[in-house]
Amino acid sequence: MTKQSPMKIAFGAIFFMSICFCLYNFEAIGDSLNLSRSKYTESLDTSTTTSPKEPAASKTDKSSAPTIDPKDLDVEQIEADFPMGYQNPRSWFLPLPAPNERHLLQVLTAEQRELLPSLGSQAQLSKKKLDKINTFYGINREGGWQDHIESLDDDGLAPLTKWAQKYVYDHQHPASCEGKNFYILEEKAPWYGLGAAVRVIFRELELAISVGRILVLDPQNPPGGNLMSKDCGEYRGRNASIECVLEDITSCAGYATPENSVREVPIHSVPGGNKFVPPLPAVALTTYMKETGLALTGAFLRYWWHAQMYAYIFRPNRQTLARMVEMRTNKTLHTAVDTNIRDKDGNGRPHTVPFPLLPSTISMHIRHGDKAIEGRLISTRDYIVAAERFILRNPITYRKRAFVTTEDPDAIKEIRKTTGINPISTAFSNPSWYWSYSNIPRFDGSPFQNLNLSQNRTDAMIMHIMQLWMAVECDAFVGNRNSNWNKLIDSIRCTLMDKCRAPYLDAGYSADWLHFP
């Protein structure tokens, strides 16, 4: 038997001891993980502001095919963010406490303290952004909507927006209306809310453009009349219509006659492969995409074009903008709630809402009401979770601060008492939610039921448009594009404001935009 050298024996012993040490630590880490996971589960039951959920019911008898109930998805997402059960695996790590401002001020020199006011002022909107929001509301604006669009930054707009808006405007407002052909549109869906009504109009407008006709609203039975007070068109000598609050869809309405007009455009008469995008815009966006080295999908083409259609039709007229400014600057119509400081009933301390909303505010449109008739409802909690997961990943730029719009009064009650869904508040730039919303009548039902809560439907409609404009003041967006109003927010931010590069977070299925009707 060959005698081993002492050096080899020593190395062998060290190697064997290392293997044993690693195996021991793996087992200890596994025990620690199990313990922290159990603590995490307990924290979910005790730290959130909503009641615990029942375990998801199995949808199959096969034990080998576990399922996750969609209503528990938010919990699964939080678990994915904190697989260690909110415990740092490094035992030496200590979380940094919030700074003691009073103590630190005593440490600073007088010269350093003089810097603080100018540094704090940088938290406000820049003059450039403030000017854009002002002209968005028609404040200090020179010219009309086309001038406002031209003033926006191309990088923040949807592709070719300035060209597309001019293309549609010039079609509907030609230099001369003589010799033109028209498509007269009457009310087709009197039961629709504003978002869906605008969608119906732009679907007909794109057909009119495709066949070379100017779209005109029927003066006797115009779209959107049921959404307004019956007297809203009297000052214009017309019947109530969507044009009571929005810009006239054309300057040629007086030239339409039975001889040069039709009242229906059959879809089979429209040229081109995509029946809902006129040929020139379709080729224009295709060419744009080719210049970037990318191919174009039909779904994106349709979504882009529908955003352009929303932007052209949904332009508040001067009277509406003036009323919106009155409402927006009325401090009694809006409330902010800081959930970090709460009363005995669990409600946060109220504050006034500034104009414009502060930077890093998130828009959150919670669509409930009659949406259940045609689609799924998403809980208020899931909207908040979608926002928190995003803020968690972007702590330097975004805060737990949101402007909420909804028709559901219970959603407002819920947010007022919600400091956060994620039980680890120190994982964010600010620990508790700062909510703001408008004090408008709400009913968890249809748009008409909400309009009927006000004596003046037209004024109520302007209030809802003002809500949408406030949403576009924000710097990130949470919603569900299964809703027409959320699609409208998504479209306006990309066309009438240059916020298309701002994040949009879908609280429902991420691909809901794909089947945009």
Protein backbone atom coordinates (compact mmCIF):
# COMPACT_ATOMS: atom_id res chain seq x y z
CA MET A 1 0.00 0.00 0.00
CA THR A 2 1.40 3.36 -1.08
CA LYS A 3 1.86 5.77 1.77
CA GLN A 4 0.06 9.12 1.22
CA SER A 5 1.96 12.31 1.85
CA PRO A 6 0.91 14.39 4.89
CA MET A 7 0.05 17.28 2.54
CA LYS A 8 -2.47 15.19 0.56
CA ILE A 9 -4.03 13.88 3.75
CA ALA A 10 -4.42 17.43 5.08
CA PHE A 11 -6.03 18.65 1.85
CA GLY A 12 -8.37 15.65 1.83
CA ALA A 13 -9.47 16.33 5.40
CA ILE A 14 -10.10 20.02 4.61
CA PHE A 15 -12.15 19.08 1.53
CA PHE A 16 -14.27 16.57 3.52
CA MET A 17 -14.93 19.10 6.29
CA SER A 18 -15.94 21.74 3.70
CA ILE A 19 -18.50 19.38 2.19
CA CYS A 20 -19.98 18.64 5.61
CA PHE A 21 -20.11 22.35 6.46
CA CYS A 22 -21.95 23.18 3.20
CA LEU A 23 -24.51 20.42 3.72
CA TYR A 24 -25.17 21.67 7.24
CA ASN A 25 -25.67 25.25 6.07
CA PHE A 26 -27.99 24.22 3.22
CA GLU A 27 -30.21 22.47 5.76
CA ALA A 28 -30.12 25.49 8.09
CA ILE A 29 -31.02 27.86 5.24
CA GLY A 30 -33.91 25.60 4.27
CA ASP A 31 -35.23 25.68 7.83
CA SER A 32 -34.85 29.47 7.88
CA LEU A 33 -36.73 29.82 4.61
CA ASN A 34 -39.61 27.69 5.85
CA LEU A 35 -39.78 29.70 9.07
CA SER A 36 -39.71 33.05 7.26
CA ARG A 37 -42.35 31.88 4.79
CA SER A 38 -44.64 30.95 7.68
CA LYS A 39 -44.05 34.36 9.25
CA TYR A 40 -44.81 35.96 5.91
CA THR A 41 -48.11 34.08 5.65
CA GLU A 42 -49.07 35.21 9.15
CA SER A 43 -48.19 38.81 8.29
CA LEU A 44 -50.47 38.73 5.28
CA ASP A 45 -53.37 37.68 7.51
CA THR A 46 -52.79 40.42 10.07
CA SER A 47 -51.21 43.38 8.28
CA THR A 48 -53.41 44.08 5.28
CA THR A 49 -56.44 46.30 5.51
CA THR A 50 -58.80 43.92 3.78
CA SER A 51 -60.26 40.72 5.10
CA PRO A 52 -58.34 37.49 4.44
CA LYS A 53 -59.39 35.50 1.41
CA GLU A 54 -60.64 31.96 1.38
CA PRO A 55 -58.32 29.37 -0.19
CA ALA A 56 -58.87 28.95 -3.91
CA ALA A 57 -61.30 26.17 -4.70
CA SER A 58 -59.96 23.36 -6.83
CA LYS A 59 -61.31 23.30 -10.37
CA THR A 60 -60.37 19.71 -10.98
CA ASP A 61 -60.31 16.40 -9.13
CA LYS A 62 -56.75 15.73 -10.24
CA SER A 63 -54.48 16.40 -7.30
CA SER A 64 -51.55 16.69 -9.70
CA ALA A 65 -53.03 19.84 -11.28
CA PRO A 66 -53.11 22.61 -8.63
CA THR A 67 -54.83 25.86 -9.62
CA ILE A 68 -54.68 29.46 -8.45
CA ASP A 69 -57.93 31.32 -8.05
CA PRO A 70 -57.68 34.64 -9.94
CA LYS A 71 -58.86 36.53 -6.86
CA ASP A 72 -55.73 35.34 -5.03
CA LEU A 73 -53.38 36.50 -7.78
CA ASP A 74 -52.33 39.61 -5.91
CA VAL A 75 -51.07 37.51 -2.99
CA GLU A 76 -49.09 35.30 -5.37
CA GLN A 77 -47.55 38.42 -6.89
CA ILE A 78 -46.50 39.74 -3.49
CA GLU A 79 -44.95 36.35 -2.68
CA ALA A 80 -43.00 36.56 -5.93
CA ASP A 81 -41.63 39.95 -4.88
CA PHE A 82 -40.55 38.69 -1.45
CA PRO A 83 -39.60 34.99 -1.75
CA MET A 84 -37.66 35.22 1.51
CA GLY A 85 -40.80 36.10 3.41
CA TYR A 86 -39.71 39.74 3.79
CA GLN A 87 -36.59 38.66 5.69
CA ASN A 88 -33.15 39.54 4.38
CA PRO A 89 -31.14 36.28 4.21
CA ARG A 90 -28.07 38.09 5.56
CA SER A 91 -28.33 38.05 9.32
CA TRP A 92 -26.02 41.05 9.65
CA PHE A 93 -28.31 43.32 7.58
CA LEU A 94 -30.18 46.02 9.49
CA PRO A 95 -32.83 48.17 7.76
CA LEU A 96 -32.10 51.89 7.73
CA PRO A 97 -34.53 53.87 9.88
CA ALA A 98 -36.22 57.01 8.60
CA PRO A 99 -34.02 60.09 9.15
CA ASN A 100 -34.52 62.20 12.26
CA GLU A 101 -35.05 65.54 10.53
CA ARG A 102 -35.01 67.60 13.72
CA HIS A 103 -31.67 66.16 14.80
CA LEU A 104 -30.12 66.48 11.35
CA LEU A 105 -31.15 70.14 11.07
CA GLN A 106 -29.19 70.84 14.25
CA VAL A 107 -26.11 69.28 12.67
CA LEU A 108 -26.27 71.40 9.50
CA THR A 109 -24.50 74.72 9.22
CA ALA A 110 -26.48 77.92 8.61
CA GLU A 111 -25.18 78.00 5.04
CA GLN A 112 -26.39 74.45 4.43
CA ARG A 113 -29.83 75.20 5.84
CA GLU A 114 -30.17 78.13 3.44
CA LEU A 115 -29.97 75.66 0.56
CA LEU A 116 -33.04 73.70 1.65
CA PRO A 117 -35.87 75.93 0.31
CA SER A 118 -34.45 75.96 -3.23
CA LEU A 119 -33.87 72.20 -3.12
CA GLY A 120 -37.41 71.58 -1.86
CA SER A 121 -38.90 73.70 -4.64
CA GLN A 122 -37.55 71.21 -7.16
CA ALA A 123 -40.30 68.81 -6.05
CA GLN A 124 -42.80 71.00 -7.91
CA LEU A 125 -43.57 70.80 -11.63
CA SER A 126 -41.14 72.49 -13.97
CA LYS A 127 -42.37 75.58 -15.81
CA LYS A 128 -42.37 73.65 -19.09
CA LYS A 129 -44.65 70.92 -17.72
CA LEU A 130 -46.86 73.46 -15.98
CA ASP A 131 -47.33 75.38 -19.24
CA LYS A 132 -48.35 72.19 -21.05
CA ILE A 133 -50.98 71.33 -18.45
CA ASN A 134 -52.29 74.90 -18.55
CA THR A 135 -52.77 74.79 -22.33
CA PHE A 136 -54.28 71.30 -21.95
CA TYR A 137 -57.03 73.04 -19.96
CA GLY A 138 -57.12 75.97 -22.39
CA ILE A 139 -55.38 78.31 -19.92
CA ASN A 140 -53.22 80.94 -21.66
CA ARG A 141 -53.56 79.00 -24.89
CA GLU A 142 -53.01 80.77 -28.17
CA GLY A 143 -55.03 79.10 -30.90
CA GLY A 144 -57.02 75.89 -30.83
CA TRP A 145 -56.38 72.22 -30.23
CA GLN A 146 -54.19 71.85 -33.33
CA ASP A 147 -51.87 74.55 -31.97
CA HIS A 148 -51.73 72.81 -28.59
CA ILE A 149 -50.79 69.49 -30.23
CA GLU A 150 -48.06 71.17 -32.28
CA SER A 151 -46.55 72.55 -29.05
CA LEU A 152 -46.07 69.07 -27.53
CA ASP A 153 -42.84 67.04 -27.62
CA ASP A 154 -42.83 64.44 -30.38
CA ASP A 155 -40.91 61.98 -28.19
CA GLY A 156 -43.80 61.87 -25.73
CA LEU A 157 -46.53 61.38 -28.33
CA ALA A 158 -47.74 58.28 -30.13
CA PRO A 159 -45.97 57.92 -33.50
CA LEU A 160 -47.03 60.39 -36.21
CA THR A 161 -49.60 62.02 -33.93
CA LYS A 162 -49.12 65.57 -35.21
CA TRP A 163 -49.47 64.41 -38.81
CA ALA A 164 -52.46 62.14 -38.06
CA GLN A 165 -54.37 64.84 -36.19
CA LYS A 166 -53.82 67.34 -39.00
CA TYR A 167 -54.85 64.72 -41.56
CA VAL A 168 -58.20 64.08 -39.83
CA TYR A 169 -58.78 67.77 -39.09
CA ASP A 170 -58.15 68.79 -42.70
CA HIS A 171 -60.52 66.07 -43.92
CA GLN A 172 -63.33 67.34 -41.66
CA HIS A 173 -62.45 71.04 -42.07
CA PRO A 174 -61.50 71.52 -45.73
CA ALA A 175 -60.63 74.95 -47.13
CA SER A 176 -63.92 74.79 -49.04
CA CYS A 177 -67.00 72.67 -48.35
CA GLU A 178 -68.32 73.11 -51.89
CA GLY A 179 -68.64 69.91 -53.91
CA LYS A 180 -68.00 67.61 -50.93
CA ASN A 181 -69.88 64.40 -50.14
CA PHE A 182 -71.16 63.61 -46.68
CA TYR A 183 -72.08 60.79 -44.32
CA ILE A 184 -74.85 61.85 -41.91
CA LEU A 185 -74.63 59.97 -38.62
CA GLU A 186 -77.63 59.64 -36.33
CA GLU A 187 -77.77 58.18 -32.82
CA LYS A 188 -77.14 54.43 -32.98
CA ALA A 189 -76.69 53.50 -29.33
CA PRO A 190 -78.62 55.85 -27.02
CA TRP A 191 -77.89 53.63 -24.02
CA TYR A 192 -74.11 54.08 -24.24
CA GLY A 193 -72.01 56.14 -21.85
CA LEU A 194 -69.66 58.86 -23.07
CA GLY A 195 -66.63 56.64 -23.72
CA ALA A 196 -68.61 54.11 -25.74
CA ALA A 197 -70.53 56.87 -27.56
CA VAL A 198 -67.28 58.46 -28.71
CA ARG A 199 -66.09 55.05 -29.87
CA VAL A 200 -69.22 54.61 -32.02
CA ILE A 201 -68.66 58.03 -33.61
CA PHE A 202 -65.02 57.43 -34.45
CA ARG A 203 -65.80 54.04 -35.97
CA GLU A 204 -68.14 55.81 -38.38
CA LEU A 205 -65.65 58.64 -38.92
CA GLU A 206 -62.93 56.24 -40.04
CA LEU A 207 -65.38 54.67 -42.50
CA ALA A 208 -66.28 58.13 -43.82
CA ILE A 209 -62.61 59.02 -44.31
CA SER A 210 -61.96 55.72 -46.10
CA VAL A 211 -64.69 56.39 -48.70
CA GLY A 212 -63.95 60.11 -49.07
CA ARG A 213 -66.95 61.52 -47.23
CA ILE A 214 -67.12 64.12 -44.46
CA LEU A 215 -68.88 62.91 -41.31
CA VAL A 216 -71.77 65.11 -40.14
CA LEU A 217 -73.93 64.55 -37.06
CA ASP A 218 -77.63 64.29 -37.85
CA PRO A 219 -79.18 67.59 -36.66
CA GLN A 220 -82.50 65.91 -35.76
CA ASN A 221 -81.16 62.86 -33.91
CA PRO A 222 -77.47 63.51 -33.15
CA PRO A 223 -75.28 61.06 -31.19
CA GLY A 224 -74.81 61.77 -27.49
CA GLY A 225 -78.02 63.73 -26.99
CA ASN A 226 -79.21 61.45 -24.20
CA LEU A 227 -76.02 62.17 -22.26
CA MET A 228 -76.74 65.90 -22.07
CA SER A 229 -79.42 68.16 -20.65
CA LYS A 230 -82.02 68.75 -23.35
CA ASP A 231 -81.42 72.50 -23.33
CA CYS A 232 -77.65 72.29 -23.80
CA GLY A 233 -77.84 72.93 -27.53
CA GLU A 234 -80.27 75.83 -27.41
CA TYR A 235 -77.59 78.53 -27.29
CA ARG A 236 -76.24 77.08 -30.53
CA GLY A 237 -79.65 76.68 -32.14
CA ARG A 238 -79.35 72.90 -32.25
CA ASN A 239 -80.59 69.76 -30.56
CA ALA A 240 -78.62 68.35 -27.64
CA SER A 241 -75.65 66.30 -28.81
CA ILE A 242 -72.10 65.42 -27.93
CA GLU A 243 -71.12 68.72 -29.56
CA CYS A 244 -72.60 70.53 -26.55
CA VAL A 245 -69.33 69.79 -24.73
CA LEU A 246 -66.90 68.82 -27.52
CA GLU A 247 -65.60 70.67 -30.56
CA ASP A 248 -67.76 70.54 -33.68
CA ILE A 249 -66.83 67.44 -35.64
CA THR A 250 -66.83 69.39 -38.91
CA SER A 251 -67.15 72.91 -40.25
CA CYS A 252 -69.20 71.72 -43.22
CA ALA A 253 -72.41 70.56 -41.51
CA GLY A 254 -74.48 73.21 -43.27
CA TYR A 255 -73.51 71.89 -46.70
CA ALA A 256 -74.94 68.39 -46.28
CA THR A 257 -78.08 67.75 -48.36
CA PRO A 258 -80.03 64.60 -49.24
CA GLU A 259 -78.44 64.70 -52.70
CA ASN A 260 -74.79 64.72 -51.57
CA SER A 261 -75.17 62.57 -48.45
CA VAL A 262 -75.66 58.99 -47.34
CA ARG A 263 -76.85 57.67 -43.99
CA GLU A 264 -74.99 54.38 -44.07
CA VAL A 265 -71.54 53.29 -45.23
CA PRO A 266 -71.45 49.51 -45.76
CA ILE A 267 -68.19 48.10 -44.50
CA HIS A 268 -67.72 46.00 -47.66
CA SER A 269 -67.51 49.26 -49.63
CA VAL A 270 -64.36 50.33 -47.78
CA PRO A 271 -61.12 49.77 -49.73
CA GLY A 272 -58.04 48.15 -48.24
CA GLY A 273 -57.38 45.12 -46.08
CA ASN A 274 -57.94 46.74 -42.66
CA LYS A 275 -61.53 47.98 -42.73
CA PHE A 276 -61.09 50.21 -39.70
CA VAL A 277 -57.96 52.14 -40.71
CA PRO A 278 -58.05 54.32 -43.85
CA PRO A 279 -55.40 53.41 -46.45
CA LEU A 280 -53.10 56.45 -46.05
CA PRO A 281 -52.73 56.26 -42.23
CA ALA A 282 -52.18 52.48 -42.51
CA VAL A 283 -49.36 52.91 -45.04
CA ALA A 284 -47.95 55.89 -43.12
CA LEU A 285 -47.52 53.93 -39.88
CA THR A 286 -46.20 50.91 -41.80
CA THR A 287 -43.55 53.13 -43.40
CA TYR A 288 -42.70 54.65 -40.03
CA MET A 289 -42.18 51.21 -38.50
CA LYS A 290 -40.07 50.04 -41.45
CA GLU A 291 -37.75 53.00 -40.87
CA THR A 292 -37.15 51.67 -37.35
CA GLY A 293 -36.32 48.23 -38.75
CA LEU A 294 -39.45 46.60 -37.34
CA ALA A 295 -42.51 44.94 -38.81
CA LEU A 296 -46.03 46.13 -37.98
CA THR A 297 -48.85 44.07 -36.48
CA GLY A 298 -52.48 44.71 -37.33
CA ALA A 299 -53.36 44.94 -33.63
CA PHE A 300 -50.93 47.80 -33.07
CA LEU A 301 -52.07 49.59 -36.23
CA ARG A 302 -55.69 49.50 -35.07
CA TYR A 303 -54.86 50.57 -31.51
CA TRP A 304 -52.73 53.46 -32.74
CA TRP A 305 -55.40 54.65 -35.16
CA HIS A 306 -58.19 54.40 -32.61
CA ALA A 307 -56.10 56.54 -30.24
CA GLN A 308 -55.91 59.15 -33.00
CA MET A 309 -59.68 58.95 -33.48
CA TYR A 310 -60.33 59.41 -29.77
CA ALA A 311 -58.03 62.44 -29.77
CA TYR A 312 -59.76 64.12 -32.68
CA ILE A 313 -63.31 63.68 -31.37
CA PHE A 314 -62.66 64.11 -27.64
CA ARG A 315 -61.62 67.76 -27.68
CA PRO A 316 -63.56 69.87 -25.16
CA ASN A 317 -64.78 73.13 -26.67
CA ARG A 318 -63.92 76.52 -25.17
CA GLN A 319 -67.05 76.73 -23.02
CA THR A 320 -66.40 73.26 -21.62
CA LEU A 321 -62.75 74.04 -20.91
CA ALA A 322 -63.72 77.20 -19.05
CA ARG A 323 -66.17 75.25 -16.88
CA MET A 324 -63.57 72.52 -16.33
CA VAL A 325 -61.08 75.10 -15.03
CA GLU A 326 -63.70 76.41 -12.59
CA MET A 327 -64.27 72.90 -11.29
CA ARG A 328 -60.59 71.96 -11.23
CA THR A 329 -59.55 75.00 -9.21
CA ASN A 330 -62.48 74.75 -6.77
CA LYS A 331 -60.76 73.31 -3.70
CA THR A 332 -64.03 72.12 -2.16
CA LEU A 333 -64.59 69.70 -5.07
CA HIS A 334 -61.47 67.66 -4.39
CA THR A 335 -60.03 65.85 -1.37
CA ALA A 336 -56.62 64.40 -0.56
CA VAL A 337 -56.13 61.85 2.22
CA ASP A 338 -52.84 61.04 3.94
CA THR A 339 -53.27 57.54 5.39
CA ASN A 340 -50.08 57.89 7.40
CA ILE A 341 -52.11 59.92 9.92
CA ARG A 342 -55.55 58.45 10.66
CA ASP A 343 -58.44 59.18 12.99
CA LYS A 344 -60.18 56.76 15.35
CA ASP A 345 -62.36 55.48 12.49
CA GLY A 346 -59.34 54.59 10.38
CA ASN A 347 -59.71 57.45 7.90
CA GLY A 348 -56.67 59.40 6.77
CA ARG A 349 -56.11 63.08 7.45
CA PRO A 350 -57.72 65.23 4.70
CA HIS A 351 -55.75 67.77 2.64
CA THR A 352 -56.46 70.05 -0.31
CA VAL A 353 -55.62 68.89 -3.84
CA PRO A 354 -53.17 71.15 -5.70
CA PHE A 355 -53.43 72.23 -9.33
CA PRO A 356 -51.71 70.62 -11.09
CA LEU A 357 -51.26 67.33 -9.26
CA LEU A 358 -47.79 66.84 -7.82
CA PRO A 359 -45.12 65.00 -9.84
CA SER A 360 -45.03 61.18 -9.54
CA THR A 361 -48.78 61.00 -8.86
CA ILE A 362 -50.33 57.83 -10.29
CA SER A 363 -53.70 57.85 -12.05
CA MET A 364 -55.92 54.97 -10.95
CA HIS A 365 -59.27 54.51 -12.70
CA ILE A 366 -61.24 51.78 -10.92
CA ARG A 367 -63.98 50.61 -13.29
CA HIS A 368 -66.80 48.82 -11.51
CA GLY A 369 -70.51 49.60 -12.00
CA ASP A 370 -72.27 47.96 -14.92
CA LYS A 371 -69.02 46.63 -16.37
CA ALA A 372 -70.00 43.30 -14.84
CA ILE A 373 -72.66 42.95 -17.55
CA GLU A 374 -70.09 42.66 -20.34
CA GLY A 375 -66.84 41.74 -18.61
CA ARG A 376 -65.09 40.86 -15.40
CA LEU A 377 -64.77 43.25 -12.49
CA ILE A 378 -61.38 43.81 -10.92
CA SER A 379 -61.25 44.45 -7.19
CA THR A 380 -60.03 47.74 -5.77
CA ARG A 381 -57.32 45.76 -4.02
CA ASP A 382 -55.95 44.45 -7.32
CA TYR A 383 -55.64 47.97 -8.73
CA ILE A 384 -53.64 48.96 -5.65
CA VAL A 385 -51.46 45.86 -5.90
CA ALA A 386 -50.65 46.64 -9.55
CA ALA A 387 -49.53 50.11 -8.49
CA GLU A 388 -47.52 48.88 -5.50
CA ARG A 389 -45.64 46.28 -7.52
CA PHE A 390 -44.59 48.98 -9.97
CA ILE A 391 -43.61 51.48 -7.26
CA LEU A 392 -41.62 48.75 -5.50
CA ARG A 393 -39.52 48.36 -8.66
CA ASN A 394 -39.10 52.11 -9.17
CA PRO A 395 -38.52 53.60 -5.71
CA ILE A 396 -36.47 56.58 -6.88
CA THR A 397 -39.05 57.94 -9.32
CA TYR A 398 -42.49 56.92 -8.03
CA ARG A 399 -44.35 57.28 -4.75
CA LYS A 400 -47.41 55.81 -3.07
CA ARG A 401 -49.50 58.76 -4.21
CA ALA A 402 -52.51 58.38 -6.51
CA PHE A 403 -55.45 60.25 -7.97
CA VAL A 404 -58.44 57.88 -8.09
CA THR A 405 -61.45 58.04 -10.39
CA THR A 406 -64.33 55.59 -10.13
CA GLU A 407 -68.12 55.34 -10.17
CA ASP A 408 -68.01 53.06 -7.10
CA PRO A 409 -68.42 54.85 -3.73
CA ASP A 410 -67.21 51.73 -1.92
CA ALA A 411 -63.89 51.97 -3.78
CA ILE A 412 -63.41 55.46 -2.35
CA LYS A 413 -64.25 54.20 1.14
CA GLU A 414 -61.72 51.39 0.73
CA ILE A 415 -58.81 53.53 -0.41
CA ARG A 416 -59.40 56.02 2.41
CA LYS A 417 -58.57 53.26 4.89
CA THR A 418 -55.81 51.57 2.89
CA THR A 419 -52.27 52.47 3.92
CA GLY A 420 -50.93 49.70 1.71
CA ILE A 421 -51.44 46.11 0.63
CA ASN A 422 -47.82 45.08 0.92
CA PRO A 423 -47.22 44.72 4.69
CA ILE A 424 -43.60 45.90 4.44
CA SER A 425 -44.10 49.66 4.21
CA THR A 426 -40.34 50.33 4.39
CA ALA A 427 -39.99 48.76 0.93
CA PHE A 428 -41.27 51.99 -0.64
CA SER A 429 -40.07 55.58 -0.87
CA ASN A 430 -42.94 56.64 1.41
CA PRO A 431 -44.61 54.21 3.83
CA SER A 432 -48.34 54.91 3.39
CA TRP A 433 -50.64 55.86 0.54
CA TYR A 434 -51.55 59.47 -0.16
CA TRP A 435 -54.87 59.39 -2.01
CA SER A 436 -56.74 62.14 -3.82
CA TYR A 437 -60.12 62.13 -5.55
CA SER A 438 -62.97 64.45 -6.54
CA ASN A 439 -66.11 64.87 -4.45
CA ILE A 440 -68.68 63.93 -7.08
CA PRO A 441 -71.92 61.94 -6.76
CA ARG A 442 -71.21 58.24 -7.31
CA PHE A 443 -73.39 55.19 -7.89
CA ASP A 444 -72.05 51.71 -8.58
CA GLY A 445 -74.10 51.32 -11.73
CA SER A 446 -74.40 52.55 -15.31
CA PRO A 447 -73.19 55.92 -16.66
CA PHE A 448 -76.80 57.11 -16.93
CA GLN A 449 -77.48 56.25 -13.29
CA ASN A 450 -74.47 58.38 -12.35
CA LEU A 451 -75.56 61.27 -14.57
CA ASN A 452 -79.03 61.16 -13.01
CA LEU A 453 -77.50 61.94 -9.62
CA SER A 454 -77.04 65.53 -10.82
CA GLN A 455 -79.75 68.02 -11.74
CA ASN A 456 -77.82 69.16 -14.81
CA ARG A 457 -76.58 66.31 -17.00
CA THR A 458 -74.36 68.55 -19.09
CA ASP A 459 -72.58 69.89 -16.02
CA ALA A 460 -72.22 66.35 -14.67
CA MET A 461 -70.71 65.28 -17.99
CA ILE A 462 -68.22 68.15 -17.84
CA MET A 463 -67.29 67.04 -14.33
CA HIS A 464 -66.46 63.56 -15.63
CA ILE A 465 -64.39 65.01 -18.49
CA MET A 466 -62.54 67.12 -15.91
CA GLN A 467 -61.84 63.88 -14.00
CA LEU A 468 -60.25 62.43 -17.13
CA TRP A 469 -58.13 65.58 -17.58
CA MET A 470 -56.96 65.28 -13.97
CA ALA A 471 -55.99 61.67 -14.65
CA VAL A 472 -53.83 62.83 -17.56
CA GLU A 473 -52.06 65.27 -15.21
CA CYS A 474 -50.47 62.17 -13.64
CA ASP A 475 -47.13 60.53 -14.46
CA ALA A 476 -48.13 56.85 -14.43
CA PHE A 477 -51.41 55.10 -15.10
CA VAL A 478 -53.19 52.11 -13.55
CA GLY A 479 -56.39 50.86 -15.13
CA ASN A 480 -57.92 48.11 -17.21
CA ARG A 481 -58.22 48.60 -20.95
CA ASN A 482 -61.22 46.32 -20.96
CA SER A 483 -63.00 49.60 -20.10
CA ASN A 484 -63.75 52.33 -22.66
CA TRP A 485 -62.92 55.06 -20.15
CA ASN A 486 -59.51 53.52 -19.46
CA LYS A 487 -58.88 53.29 -23.21
CA LEU A 488 -59.83 56.94 -23.44
CA ILE A 489 -57.32 57.89 -20.73
CA ASP A 490 -54.66 55.82 -22.49
CA SER A 491 -55.39 57.51 -25.83
CA ILE A 492 -55.60 61.11 -24.61
CA ARG A 493 -52.31 60.90 -22.70
CA CYS A 494 -50.60 59.81 -25.94
CA THR A 495 -52.16 62.36 -28.29
CA LEU A 496 -53.47 65.49 -26.57
CA MET A 497 -50.63 65.29 -24.02
CA ASP A 498 -47.09 64.01 -24.49
CA LYS A 499 -47.14 61.32 -21.80
CA CYS A 500 -47.11 58.23 -23.99
CA ARG A 501 -43.78 57.07 -22.54
CA ALA A 502 -45.22 57.15 -19.03
CA PRO A 503 -45.92 53.64 -17.67
CA TYR A 504 -49.38 52.12 -18.08
CA LEU A 505 -50.14 49.25 -15.71
CA ASP A 506 -53.11 47.02 -16.45
CA ALA A 507 -54.74 45.68 -13.31
CA GLY A 508 -56.54 43.08 -15.43
CA TYR A 509 -55.08 41.03 -18.24
CA SER A 510 -52.08 42.77 -19.75
CA ALA A 511 -53.24 42.02 -23.30
CA ASP A 512 -56.69 43.59 -22.92
CA TRP A 513 -55.64 46.27 -25.42
CA LEU A 514 -55.15 43.57 -28.07
CA HIS A 515 -58.88 43.08 -28.61
CA PHE A 516 -59.62 46.80 -28.65
CA PRO A 517 -63.06 46.98 -30.31
